């Protein structure tokens, strides 16, 4: 059972494309979010990086597994007689 059960192939492919784009943005430093707001005691600013490379990579691998792509190759065994 997977968290992606019930999703169509099209939804999984769209999620995979989105996750791959997010990983590229993250690696290029474009995934930083800055928020500023004013409060009674002055203005506040918060900067947060959205996710980590490891989290994005893990999500991409899970989506690829759900789609049946990117399966690891079996090692070749040699038998000497």
N, C-alpha and C. Protein backbone atom coordinates (compact mmCIF):
# COMPACT_ATOMS: atom_id res chain seq x y z
N UNK A 1 0.85 -1.17 0.00
CA UNK A 1 0.00 0.00 0.00
C UNK A 1 0.90 1.24 0.00
N UNK A 2 0.51 2.22 -0.77
CA UNK A 2 1.30 3.43 -0.94
C UNK A 2 0.44 4.65 -0.68
N UNK A 3 1.08 5.75 -0.33
CA UNK A 3 0.34 7.00 -0.15
C UNK A 3 -0.22 7.49 -1.48
N UNK A 4 0.26 6.96 -2.59
CA UNK A 4 -0.19 7.38 -3.90
C UNK A 4 -1.29 6.49 -4.46
N UNK A 5 -1.75 5.49 -3.69
CA UNK A 5 -2.85 4.63 -4.14
C UNK A 5 -4.08 5.48 -4.38
N UNK A 6 -4.76 5.23 -5.47
CA UNK A 6 -5.96 5.98 -5.80
C UNK A 6 -5.70 7.14 -6.74
N UNK A 7 -4.44 7.47 -6.97
CA UNK A 7 -4.10 8.54 -7.91
C UNK A 7 -3.98 7.94 -9.31
N UNK A 8 -4.44 8.67 -10.29
CA UNK A 8 -4.32 8.21 -11.68
C UNK A 8 -2.88 8.38 -12.16
N UNK A 9 -2.57 7.73 -13.28
CA UNK A 9 -1.24 7.86 -13.88
C UNK A 9 -0.96 9.32 -14.24
N UNK A 10 -1.97 10.02 -14.74
CA UNK A 10 -1.79 11.43 -15.12
C UNK A 10 -1.48 12.28 -13.89
N UNK A 11 -2.16 12.00 -12.78
CA UNK A 11 -1.90 12.75 -11.56
C UNK A 11 -0.49 12.47 -11.03
N UNK A 12 -0.09 11.20 -11.09
CA UNK A 12 1.26 10.84 -10.64
C UNK A 12 2.32 11.50 -11.51
N UNK A 13 2.11 11.51 -12.82
CA UNK A 13 3.08 12.14 -13.73
C UNK A 13 3.15 13.65 -13.50
N UNK A 14 2.01 14.28 -13.23
CA UNK A 14 2.00 15.72 -12.95
C UNK A 14 2.73 16.01 -11.63
N UNK A 15 2.51 15.15 -10.64
CA UNK A 15 3.18 15.33 -9.35
C UNK A 15 4.70 15.12 -9.51
N UNK A 16 5.08 14.15 -10.33
CA UNK A 16 6.51 13.90 -10.57
C UNK A 16 7.15 15.10 -11.26
N UNK A 17 6.50 15.66 -12.27
CA UNK A 17 7.04 16.83 -12.96
C UNK A 17 7.16 18.01 -12.00
N UNK A 18 6.18 18.19 -11.15
CA UNK A 18 6.21 19.27 -10.16
C UNK A 18 7.34 19.08 -9.15
N UNK A 19 7.52 17.84 -8.69
CA UNK A 19 8.59 17.55 -7.72
C UNK A 19 9.96 17.75 -8.35
N UNK A 20 10.11 17.37 -9.61
CA UNK A 20 11.39 17.56 -10.29
C UNK A 20 11.68 19.04 -10.48
N UNK A 21 10.67 19.83 -10.83
CA UNK A 21 10.85 21.28 -10.97
C UNK A 21 11.20 21.91 -9.63
N UNK A 22 10.56 21.43 -8.55
CA UNK A 22 10.85 21.95 -7.22
C UNK A 22 12.29 21.63 -6.82
N UNK A 23 12.76 20.43 -7.17
CA UNK A 23 14.14 20.06 -6.86
C UNK A 23 15.12 20.96 -7.60
N UNK A 24 14.85 21.23 -8.86
CA UNK A 24 15.72 22.12 -9.63
C UNK A 24 15.73 23.52 -9.01
N UNK A 25 14.54 24.03 -8.67
CA UNK A 25 14.46 25.35 -8.02
C UNK A 25 15.22 25.37 -6.71
N UNK A 26 15.07 24.30 -5.93
CA UNK A 26 15.74 24.21 -4.64
C UNK A 26 17.25 24.21 -4.81
N UNK A 27 17.74 23.44 -5.78
CA UNK A 27 19.18 23.36 -6.00
C UNK A 27 19.75 24.65 -6.56
N UNK A 28 18.92 25.44 -7.24
CA UNK A 28 19.39 26.71 -7.80
C UNK A 28 19.15 27.88 -6.84
N UNK A 29 18.58 27.58 -5.67
CA UNK A 29 18.37 28.62 -4.67
C UNK A 29 17.15 29.50 -4.92
N UNK A 30 16.25 29.04 -5.77
CA UNK A 30 15.07 29.84 -6.08
C UNK A 30 13.87 29.47 -5.23
N UNK A 31 14.02 28.60 -4.28
CA UNK A 31 12.87 28.17 -3.49
C UNK A 31 12.84 28.81 -2.11
N UNK A 32 13.36 30.01 -2.01
CA UNK A 32 13.37 30.72 -0.74
C UNK A 32 12.15 31.63 -0.69
N UNK A 33 11.42 31.56 0.41
CA UNK A 33 10.21 32.35 0.58
C UNK A 33 10.46 33.37 1.67
N UNK A 34 10.16 34.62 1.40
CA UNK A 34 10.28 35.68 2.39
C UNK A 34 8.90 36.25 2.68
N UNK A 35 8.60 36.39 3.94
CA UNK A 35 7.33 36.97 4.38
C UNK A 35 7.61 38.15 5.28
N UNK A 36 6.90 39.22 5.07
CA UNK A 36 7.03 40.40 5.92
C UNK A 36 5.64 40.82 6.37
N UNK A 37 5.52 41.23 7.61
CA UNK A 37 4.24 41.71 8.11
C UNK A 37 4.47 42.70 9.23
N UNK A 38 3.49 43.53 9.47
CA UNK A 38 3.58 44.55 10.52
C UNK A 38 2.71 44.12 11.70
N UNK A 39 3.27 44.34 12.88
CA UNK A 39 2.54 44.05 14.11
C UNK A 39 2.57 45.30 14.97
N UNK A 40 1.88 45.29 16.07
CA UNK A 40 1.84 46.45 16.94
C UNK A 40 3.21 46.90 17.42
N UNK A 41 4.14 45.96 17.60
CA UNK A 41 5.47 46.30 18.11
C UNK A 41 6.51 46.46 17.00
N UNK A 42 6.09 46.57 15.77
CA UNK A 42 7.02 46.77 14.66
C UNK A 42 6.82 45.76 13.56
N UNK A 43 7.67 45.81 12.57
CA UNK A 43 7.53 44.89 11.44
C UNK A 43 8.38 43.65 11.66
N UNK A 44 7.93 42.55 11.12
CA UNK A 44 8.61 41.26 11.24
C UNK A 44 8.92 40.74 9.85
N UNK A 45 9.94 39.94 9.74
CA UNK A 45 10.30 39.33 8.48
C UNK A 45 10.73 37.89 8.73
N UNK A 46 10.25 36.98 7.92
CA UNK A 46 10.59 35.57 8.04
C UNK A 46 11.04 35.07 6.67
N UNK A 47 12.16 34.36 6.64
CA UNK A 47 12.64 33.75 5.41
C UNK A 47 12.75 32.25 5.65
N UNK A 48 12.20 31.46 4.75
CA UNK A 48 12.21 30.01 4.91
C UNK A 48 12.51 29.34 3.59
N UNK A 49 13.35 28.34 3.64
CA UNK A 49 13.63 27.53 2.46
C UNK A 49 12.62 26.39 2.44
N UNK A 50 11.99 26.18 1.32
CA UNK A 50 10.93 25.19 1.21
C UNK A 50 11.52 23.80 0.96
N UNK A 51 11.55 22.96 1.96
CA UNK A 51 12.02 21.59 1.81
C UNK A 51 13.53 21.48 1.70
N UNK A 52 14.01 20.25 1.62
CA UNK A 52 15.43 19.99 1.45
C UNK A 52 15.62 19.14 0.19
N UNK A 53 16.84 19.08 -0.26
CA UNK A 53 17.15 18.27 -1.44
C UNK A 53 16.82 16.80 -1.16
N UNK A 54 17.12 16.34 0.04
CA UNK A 54 16.84 14.95 0.40
C UNK A 54 15.35 14.63 0.38
N UNK A 55 14.54 15.55 0.89
CA UNK A 55 13.09 15.35 0.90
C UNK A 55 12.54 15.32 -0.53
N UNK A 56 13.01 16.23 -1.37
CA UNK A 56 12.55 16.27 -2.77
C UNK A 56 12.98 15.02 -3.52
N UNK A 57 14.21 14.59 -3.30
CA UNK A 57 14.72 13.40 -3.97
C UNK A 57 13.93 12.17 -3.54
N UNK A 58 13.64 12.06 -2.25
CA UNK A 58 12.87 10.92 -1.75
C UNK A 58 11.47 10.91 -2.36
N UNK A 59 10.85 12.06 -2.47
CA UNK A 59 9.52 12.14 -3.08
C UNK A 59 9.57 11.73 -4.55
N UNK A 60 10.59 12.19 -5.26
CA UNK A 60 10.74 11.84 -6.68
C UNK A 60 10.91 10.32 -6.83
N UNK A 61 11.71 9.71 -5.98
CA UNK A 61 11.91 8.26 -6.06
C UNK A 61 10.63 7.51 -5.75
N UNK A 62 9.85 7.98 -4.77
CA UNK A 62 8.57 7.35 -4.45
C UNK A 62 7.60 7.44 -5.63
N UNK A 63 7.54 8.61 -6.25
CA UNK A 63 6.65 8.79 -7.40
C UNK A 63 7.09 7.92 -8.57
N UNK A 64 8.40 7.83 -8.81
CA UNK A 64 8.89 6.98 -9.89
C UNK A 64 8.55 5.51 -9.62
N UNK A 65 8.69 5.09 -8.35
CA UNK A 65 8.33 3.72 -8.01
C UNK A 65 6.84 3.46 -8.24
N UNK A 66 6.00 4.44 -7.87
CA UNK A 66 4.56 4.30 -8.06
C UNK A 66 4.20 4.21 -9.55
N UNK A 67 4.98 4.89 -10.38
CA UNK A 67 4.75 4.86 -11.82
C UNK A 67 5.41 3.66 -12.50
N UNK A 68 6.27 2.96 -11.77
CA UNK A 68 6.95 1.81 -12.34
C UNK A 68 8.14 2.19 -13.20
N UNK A 69 8.69 3.39 -13.00
CA UNK A 69 9.88 3.80 -13.75
C UNK A 69 11.04 3.98 -12.79
N UNK A 70 12.24 3.91 -13.33
CA UNK A 70 13.43 4.12 -12.52
C UNK A 70 13.75 2.96 -11.61
N UNK A 71 13.32 1.78 -12.01
CA UNK A 71 13.61 0.61 -11.18
C UNK A 71 15.11 0.30 -11.25
N UNK A 72 15.70 -0.07 -10.12
CA UNK A 72 17.12 -0.41 -10.15
C UNK A 72 17.37 -1.69 -10.95
N UNK A 73 18.48 -1.72 -11.61
CA UNK A 73 18.84 -2.90 -12.40
C UNK A 73 19.39 -3.98 -11.49
N UNK A 74 19.11 -5.22 -11.86
CA UNK A 74 19.65 -6.33 -11.09
C UNK A 74 21.12 -6.51 -11.43
N UNK A 75 21.87 -6.91 -10.43
CA UNK A 75 23.28 -7.17 -10.69
C UNK A 75 23.41 -8.47 -11.48
N UNK A 76 24.46 -8.54 -12.25
CA UNK A 76 24.71 -9.72 -13.06
C UNK A 76 25.60 -10.66 -12.26
N UNK A 77 25.15 -11.87 -12.12
CA UNK A 77 25.94 -12.87 -11.40
C UNK A 77 26.70 -13.76 -12.39
N UNK A 78 27.93 -14.04 -12.08
CA UNK A 78 28.75 -14.88 -12.94
C UNK A 78 28.94 -16.23 -12.26
N UNK A 79 28.83 -17.27 -13.05
CA UNK A 79 29.08 -18.62 -12.55
C UNK A 79 30.24 -19.19 -13.35
N UNK A 80 31.31 -19.52 -12.66
CA UNK A 80 32.47 -20.11 -13.32
C UNK A 80 32.42 -21.62 -13.13
N UNK A 81 32.54 -22.37 -14.23
CA UNK A 81 32.50 -23.83 -14.15
C UNK A 81 33.75 -24.44 -14.68
